[in-house]
N, C-alpha and C. Protein backbone atom coordinates (compact mmCIF):
# COMPACT_ATOMS: atom_id res chain seq x y z
N MET A 1 -13.17 38.92 6.20
CA MET A 1 -14.27 38.35 5.49
C MET A 1 -15.43 38.25 6.44
N SER A 2 -16.62 38.65 5.97
CA SER A 2 -17.84 38.63 6.68
C SER A 2 -18.45 37.37 6.48
N GLY A 3 -19.48 37.16 7.38
CA GLY A 3 -20.24 35.77 7.34
C GLY A 3 -21.10 35.76 6.13
N LYS A 4 -21.33 36.78 5.40
CA LYS A 4 -22.19 36.68 4.21
C LYS A 4 -21.54 36.24 2.99
N GLU A 5 -20.21 36.40 2.89
CA GLU A 5 -19.54 35.96 1.67
C GLU A 5 -19.26 34.46 1.55
N ILE A 6 -19.61 33.86 0.37
CA ILE A 6 -19.57 32.50 0.15
C ILE A 6 -18.27 32.16 -0.80
N LEU A 7 -17.55 31.28 -0.33
CA LEU A 7 -16.46 30.91 -1.11
C LEU A 7 -16.81 29.62 -2.04
N SER A 8 -16.30 29.65 -3.27
CA SER A 8 -16.50 28.41 -4.11
C SER A 8 -15.32 27.40 -3.96
N LEU A 9 -15.62 26.26 -4.46
CA LEU A 9 -14.36 25.32 -4.35
C LEU A 9 -13.30 25.65 -5.34
N ASP A 10 -13.63 26.43 -6.53
CA ASP A 10 -12.63 26.79 -7.46
C ASP A 10 -11.54 27.78 -6.84
N GLU A 11 -11.91 28.24 -5.61
CA GLU A 11 -11.05 29.32 -5.10
C GLU A 11 -10.03 28.67 -4.36
N PHE A 12 -10.05 27.44 -4.18
CA PHE A 12 -9.04 26.73 -3.27
C PHE A 12 -8.32 25.75 -4.19
N ALA A 13 -6.92 25.76 -3.79
CA ALA A 13 -6.07 24.93 -4.67
C ALA A 13 -5.99 23.57 -4.21
N THR A 14 -6.22 22.58 -5.06
CA THR A 14 -6.34 21.17 -4.72
C THR A 14 -5.45 20.33 -5.40
N ALA A 15 -4.89 19.44 -4.95
CA ALA A 15 -3.89 18.32 -5.74
C ALA A 15 -4.79 17.54 -6.62
N PRO A 16 -4.25 17.11 -7.70
CA PRO A 16 -4.86 16.20 -8.57
C PRO A 16 -4.92 14.80 -7.91
N ARG A 17 -6.07 14.07 -8.16
CA ARG A 17 -6.17 12.64 -7.45
C ARG A 17 -5.22 11.74 -8.32
N ARG A 18 -4.78 10.71 -7.44
CA ARG A 18 -3.93 9.81 -8.08
C ARG A 18 -4.79 8.71 -8.82
N GLN A 19 -4.41 8.32 -9.86
CA GLN A 19 -5.18 7.33 -10.64
C GLN A 19 -4.87 5.93 -10.17
N ARG A 20 -5.94 5.07 -9.88
CA ARG A 20 -5.62 3.79 -9.52
C ARG A 20 -5.50 2.90 -10.65
N VAL A 21 -4.86 1.84 -10.54
CA VAL A 21 -4.73 0.90 -11.61
C VAL A 21 -5.45 -0.45 -10.95
N VAL A 22 -6.31 -0.99 -11.73
CA VAL A 22 -7.14 -2.13 -11.33
C VAL A 22 -6.50 -3.37 -11.94
N THR A 23 -6.11 -4.31 -11.08
CA THR A 23 -5.43 -5.62 -11.68
C THR A 23 -6.12 -6.74 -10.83
N ASN A 24 -6.14 -7.89 -11.32
CA ASN A 24 -6.69 -9.03 -10.83
C ASN A 24 -5.52 -9.85 -10.13
N GLU A 25 -4.35 -9.26 -9.88
CA GLU A 25 -3.18 -10.00 -9.42
C GLU A 25 -3.20 -9.64 -7.88
N PRO A 26 -2.82 -10.59 -7.02
CA PRO A 26 -2.83 -10.27 -5.65
C PRO A 26 -1.53 -9.28 -5.38
N PRO A 27 -1.74 -8.53 -4.24
CA PRO A 27 -0.69 -7.52 -4.12
C PRO A 27 0.69 -8.24 -3.68
N VAL A 28 1.71 -7.66 -4.12
CA VAL A 28 3.20 -8.34 -3.83
C VAL A 28 3.89 -7.45 -2.97
N ARG A 29 4.44 -8.07 -2.07
CA ARG A 29 5.29 -7.29 -1.14
C ARG A 29 6.57 -6.69 -1.90
N ARG A 30 6.84 -5.51 -1.59
CA ARG A 30 7.79 -4.77 -2.46
C ARG A 30 9.28 -5.21 -2.18
N ASP A 31 9.43 -5.70 -0.90
CA ASP A 31 10.65 -6.26 -0.58
C ASP A 31 10.98 -7.73 -0.95
N ALA A 32 9.87 -8.37 -1.42
CA ALA A 32 10.06 -9.86 -1.81
C ALA A 32 10.35 -9.94 -3.22
N VAL A 33 11.18 -10.63 -3.74
CA VAL A 33 11.54 -10.92 -5.07
C VAL A 33 11.07 -12.23 -5.43
N PRO A 34 10.14 -12.34 -6.38
CA PRO A 34 9.74 -13.83 -6.71
C PRO A 34 10.87 -14.44 -7.43
N THR A 35 10.88 -15.90 -7.18
CA THR A 35 11.77 -16.65 -8.01
C THR A 35 11.31 -16.80 -9.35
N ARG A 36 12.25 -17.54 -10.06
CA ARG A 36 11.95 -17.78 -11.47
C ARG A 36 10.80 -18.69 -11.60
N GLU A 37 10.90 -19.76 -10.84
CA GLU A 37 9.76 -20.89 -10.82
C GLU A 37 8.38 -20.23 -10.44
N ALA A 38 8.42 -19.34 -9.48
CA ALA A 38 7.12 -18.85 -8.93
C ALA A 38 6.53 -17.79 -10.08
N ARG A 39 7.37 -17.22 -10.82
CA ARG A 39 6.98 -16.24 -12.12
C ARG A 39 6.44 -17.27 -13.02
N ASP A 40 7.06 -18.41 -13.32
CA ASP A 40 6.75 -19.16 -14.31
C ASP A 40 5.51 -20.15 -14.17
N THR A 41 5.17 -20.53 -12.91
CA THR A 41 4.00 -21.39 -12.69
C THR A 41 3.10 -20.82 -11.72
N PRO A 42 2.03 -20.15 -12.22
CA PRO A 42 0.87 -19.68 -11.24
C PRO A 42 0.27 -20.72 -10.50
N GLU A 43 0.19 -21.97 -10.77
CA GLU A 43 -0.45 -22.98 -10.08
C GLU A 43 0.43 -23.28 -8.76
N LEU A 44 1.88 -23.10 -8.86
CA LEU A 44 2.54 -23.39 -7.70
C LEU A 44 2.46 -22.24 -6.61
N VAL A 45 2.28 -21.10 -7.08
CA VAL A 45 1.87 -20.01 -6.20
C VAL A 45 0.53 -20.24 -5.43
N ALA A 46 -0.47 -20.70 -6.26
CA ALA A 46 -1.81 -20.89 -5.56
C ALA A 46 -1.74 -22.15 -4.55
N GLY A 47 -0.94 -23.13 -4.91
CA GLY A 47 -0.67 -24.32 -3.98
C GLY A 47 0.10 -23.86 -2.70
N GLU A 48 1.01 -22.83 -2.92
CA GLU A 48 1.71 -22.32 -1.65
C GLU A 48 0.79 -21.58 -0.70
N ILE A 49 -0.32 -20.81 -1.38
CA ILE A 49 -1.15 -19.92 -0.59
C ILE A 49 -2.08 -20.81 0.16
N GLN A 50 -2.51 -22.04 -0.53
CA GLN A 50 -3.44 -23.10 0.13
C GLN A 50 -2.66 -23.64 1.21
N GLU A 51 -1.39 -24.10 1.21
CA GLU A 51 -0.72 -24.64 2.25
C GLU A 51 -0.51 -23.63 3.32
N LYS A 52 -0.29 -22.42 3.09
CA LYS A 52 -0.05 -21.29 4.09
C LYS A 52 -1.41 -21.22 4.89
N GLY A 53 -2.55 -21.21 4.12
CA GLY A 53 -3.93 -21.15 4.90
C GLY A 53 -4.04 -22.38 5.80
N GLU A 54 -3.63 -23.47 5.21
CA GLU A 54 -3.97 -24.69 6.13
C GLU A 54 -3.02 -24.68 7.41
N THR A 55 -1.79 -24.16 7.10
CA THR A 55 -0.75 -23.97 8.30
C THR A 55 -1.24 -23.09 9.24
N SER A 56 -1.72 -21.94 8.73
CA SER A 56 -2.22 -20.85 9.66
C SER A 56 -3.43 -21.39 10.41
N SER A 57 -4.46 -22.34 9.92
CA SER A 57 -5.50 -22.90 10.61
C SER A 57 -5.14 -23.68 11.71
N LYS A 58 -4.12 -24.61 11.34
CA LYS A 58 -3.52 -25.51 12.31
C LYS A 58 -2.92 -24.71 13.47
N ALA A 59 -2.22 -23.68 13.17
CA ALA A 59 -1.68 -22.93 14.28
C ALA A 59 -2.63 -22.30 15.13
N SER A 60 -3.58 -21.72 14.49
CA SER A 60 -4.85 -21.05 15.38
C SER A 60 -5.42 -22.10 16.18
N LYS A 61 -5.69 -23.31 15.58
CA LYS A 61 -6.34 -24.47 16.37
C LYS A 61 -5.32 -24.87 17.58
N ALA A 62 -4.11 -24.89 17.27
CA ALA A 62 -3.15 -25.30 18.33
C ALA A 62 -3.08 -24.20 19.49
N LEU A 63 -3.18 -22.95 19.03
CA LEU A 63 -3.22 -21.85 19.97
C LEU A 63 -4.42 -21.82 20.88
N ARG A 64 -5.60 -22.21 20.36
CA ARG A 64 -6.93 -22.24 21.24
C ARG A 64 -6.79 -23.38 22.12
N GLN A 65 -6.28 -24.53 21.68
CA GLN A 65 -6.09 -25.71 22.53
C GLN A 65 -5.07 -25.39 23.84
N MET A 66 -4.05 -24.60 23.42
CA MET A 66 -3.08 -24.25 24.37
C MET A 66 -3.83 -23.37 25.46
N LYS A 67 -4.68 -22.43 25.03
CA LYS A 67 -5.40 -21.52 25.81
C LYS A 67 -6.32 -22.20 26.67
N ARG A 68 -7.05 -23.19 26.31
CA ARG A 68 -8.03 -23.91 26.97
C ARG A 68 -7.14 -24.70 28.19
N ALA A 69 -6.00 -25.34 27.70
CA ALA A 69 -5.30 -26.18 28.69
C ALA A 69 -4.74 -25.24 29.75
N ARG A 70 -4.39 -23.98 29.44
CA ARG A 70 -3.92 -23.02 30.46
C ARG A 70 -5.12 -22.48 31.39
N MET A 71 -6.37 -22.48 30.78
CA MET A 71 -7.42 -21.94 31.66
C MET A 71 -7.83 -23.06 32.68
N LYS A 72 -7.58 -24.41 32.47
CA LYS A 72 -7.96 -25.32 33.21
C LYS A 72 -7.45 -25.14 34.63
N GLY A 73 -6.34 -24.57 34.88
CA GLY A 73 -5.76 -24.29 36.13
C GLY A 73 -5.85 -22.81 36.61
N ALA A 74 -6.50 -22.10 35.71
CA ALA A 74 -6.62 -20.63 36.01
C ALA A 74 -7.51 -20.27 37.07
N SER A 75 -7.38 -19.16 37.71
CA SER A 75 -8.21 -18.67 38.76
C SER A 75 -9.58 -18.17 38.16
N HIS A 76 -10.59 -18.30 38.90
CA HIS A 76 -11.92 -17.80 38.54
C HIS A 76 -12.32 -16.83 39.64
N PHE A 77 -12.94 -15.65 39.14
CA PHE A 77 -13.06 -14.64 40.07
C PHE A 77 -14.61 -14.67 40.55
N VAL A 78 -14.79 -14.10 41.85
CA VAL A 78 -15.94 -14.12 42.55
C VAL A 78 -16.14 -12.58 43.12
N ASN A 79 -17.14 -11.93 42.74
CA ASN A 79 -17.23 -10.57 43.28
C ASN A 79 -18.10 -10.68 44.70
N VAL A 80 -17.66 -9.79 45.48
CA VAL A 80 -18.15 -9.79 46.82
C VAL A 80 -18.61 -8.37 47.07
N ASN A 81 -19.93 -8.06 47.59
CA ASN A 81 -20.35 -6.74 47.92
C ASN A 81 -20.29 -6.66 49.29
N LEU A 82 -19.27 -5.72 49.79
CA LEU A 82 -19.00 -5.59 51.24
C LEU A 82 -19.49 -4.07 51.58
N ASP A 83 -19.88 -4.08 52.80
CA ASP A 83 -20.30 -2.81 53.38
C ASP A 83 -18.92 -1.92 53.70
N ARG A 84 -19.11 -0.62 53.94
CA ARG A 84 -17.93 0.09 54.04
C ARG A 84 -16.99 -0.34 55.36
N GLU A 85 -17.63 -0.65 56.32
CA GLU A 85 -16.90 -1.06 57.54
C GLU A 85 -16.23 -2.40 57.48
N THR A 86 -16.88 -3.22 56.88
CA THR A 86 -16.08 -4.63 56.45
C THR A 86 -15.04 -4.33 55.55
N LYS A 87 -15.16 -3.58 54.50
CA LYS A 87 -14.05 -3.35 53.70
C LYS A 87 -12.93 -2.64 54.33
N ARG A 88 -13.29 -1.75 55.18
CA ARG A 88 -12.20 -1.07 56.03
C ARG A 88 -11.42 -2.03 56.82
N ARG A 89 -12.07 -2.76 57.49
CA ARG A 89 -11.54 -3.85 58.30
C ARG A 89 -10.64 -4.87 57.50
N LEU A 90 -11.01 -5.13 56.47
CA LEU A 90 -10.29 -6.02 55.48
C LEU A 90 -8.96 -5.26 55.11
N LYS A 91 -9.16 -4.15 54.67
CA LYS A 91 -8.03 -3.47 54.25
C LYS A 91 -6.96 -3.13 55.49
N LEU A 92 -7.46 -2.86 56.63
CA LEU A 92 -6.54 -2.81 57.68
C LEU A 92 -5.84 -4.06 58.02
N ALA A 93 -6.66 -5.01 57.93
CA ALA A 93 -6.01 -6.45 58.26
C ALA A 93 -4.94 -6.77 57.25
N SER A 94 -5.22 -6.53 56.05
CA SER A 94 -4.29 -6.88 54.83
C SER A 94 -2.89 -5.92 55.05
N PHE A 95 -3.16 -4.98 55.63
CA PHE A 95 -2.01 -3.93 55.80
C PHE A 95 -1.26 -4.45 56.93
N ASN A 96 -1.89 -4.67 58.09
CA ASN A 96 -1.23 -5.15 59.25
C ASN A 96 -0.46 -6.42 59.03
N MET A 97 -1.09 -7.46 58.31
CA MET A 97 -0.59 -8.70 58.17
C MET A 97 0.49 -8.79 56.92
N ASP A 98 0.52 -7.54 56.23
CA ASP A 98 1.44 -7.52 55.11
C ASP A 98 1.19 -8.58 54.11
N THR A 99 -0.02 -8.68 53.81
CA THR A 99 -0.68 -9.58 52.64
C THR A 99 -1.80 -8.87 52.03
N SER A 100 -2.13 -9.44 50.84
CA SER A 100 -3.35 -8.93 50.04
C SER A 100 -4.71 -9.21 50.60
N MET A 101 -5.54 -8.45 50.16
CA MET A 101 -6.93 -8.66 50.79
C MET A 101 -7.46 -10.00 50.13
N GLN A 102 -7.12 -10.15 48.87
CA GLN A 102 -7.55 -11.26 48.10
C GLN A 102 -7.02 -12.67 48.83
N ALA A 103 -5.78 -12.75 49.31
CA ALA A 103 -5.24 -13.95 50.05
C ALA A 103 -6.07 -14.03 51.46
N ILE A 104 -6.56 -12.96 51.98
CA ILE A 104 -7.32 -13.16 53.22
C ILE A 104 -8.61 -13.72 52.81
N MET A 105 -9.26 -13.22 51.75
CA MET A 105 -10.53 -13.82 51.44
C MET A 105 -10.51 -15.17 50.93
N GLU A 106 -9.49 -15.53 50.20
CA GLU A 106 -9.26 -16.90 49.76
C GLU A 106 -9.27 -17.82 51.03
N LYS A 107 -8.41 -17.45 51.93
CA LYS A 107 -8.08 -18.34 53.16
C LYS A 107 -9.45 -18.31 54.00
N ALA A 108 -10.27 -17.32 54.10
CA ALA A 108 -11.55 -17.37 54.74
C ALA A 108 -12.46 -18.20 54.11
N ILE A 109 -12.46 -18.08 52.73
CA ILE A 109 -13.48 -19.01 52.09
C ILE A 109 -13.20 -20.59 52.19
N ARG A 110 -11.82 -20.66 52.07
CA ARG A 110 -11.55 -22.19 52.30
C ARG A 110 -11.69 -22.80 53.66
N GLN A 111 -11.52 -21.87 54.63
CA GLN A 111 -11.80 -22.28 56.08
C GLN A 111 -13.27 -22.42 56.25
N PHE A 112 -14.10 -21.65 55.65
CA PHE A 112 -15.52 -21.85 55.80
C PHE A 112 -15.92 -23.15 55.20
N LEU A 113 -15.45 -23.30 53.86
CA LEU A 113 -15.86 -24.56 53.15
C LEU A 113 -15.39 -25.84 53.86
N ASP A 114 -14.12 -25.72 54.46
CA ASP A 114 -13.65 -26.94 55.21
C ASP A 114 -14.52 -27.13 56.44
N ALA A 115 -14.83 -26.08 57.15
CA ALA A 115 -15.56 -26.24 58.38
C ALA A 115 -17.02 -26.72 58.13
N ASN A 116 -17.46 -26.59 57.05
CA ASN A 116 -18.85 -27.01 56.69
C ASN A 116 -18.92 -28.32 55.91
N GLY A 117 -17.74 -28.79 55.64
CA GLY A 117 -17.61 -30.19 54.99
C GLY A 117 -17.92 -30.12 53.44
N TYR A 118 -17.49 -29.00 52.95
CA TYR A 118 -17.60 -28.91 51.37
C TYR A 118 -16.39 -29.14 50.77
């Protein structure tokens, strides 16, 4: 086929579109079977939905509080800009002492703060 030929949409086979049914009912899980009481009393269903919303908001509030409590004892990070030679020396020291560079930095900072009365 050359570049000048133009194909129309009618030349392609397409599947028919699925018709959508519009309802005002909330979506129902297919594996859930409503009880007779739930089918008979829509007010009960609305009450259950409201209770579920309150429960989830209480749960999210409790989760936030738990995260805050955990963050009180959490580490806080400080970035340090080192020149190549100092970084190389720190890396060599951590390798020779079989410890992490972070542990060396923490110890050095504590020692400096203690020596200067902070």
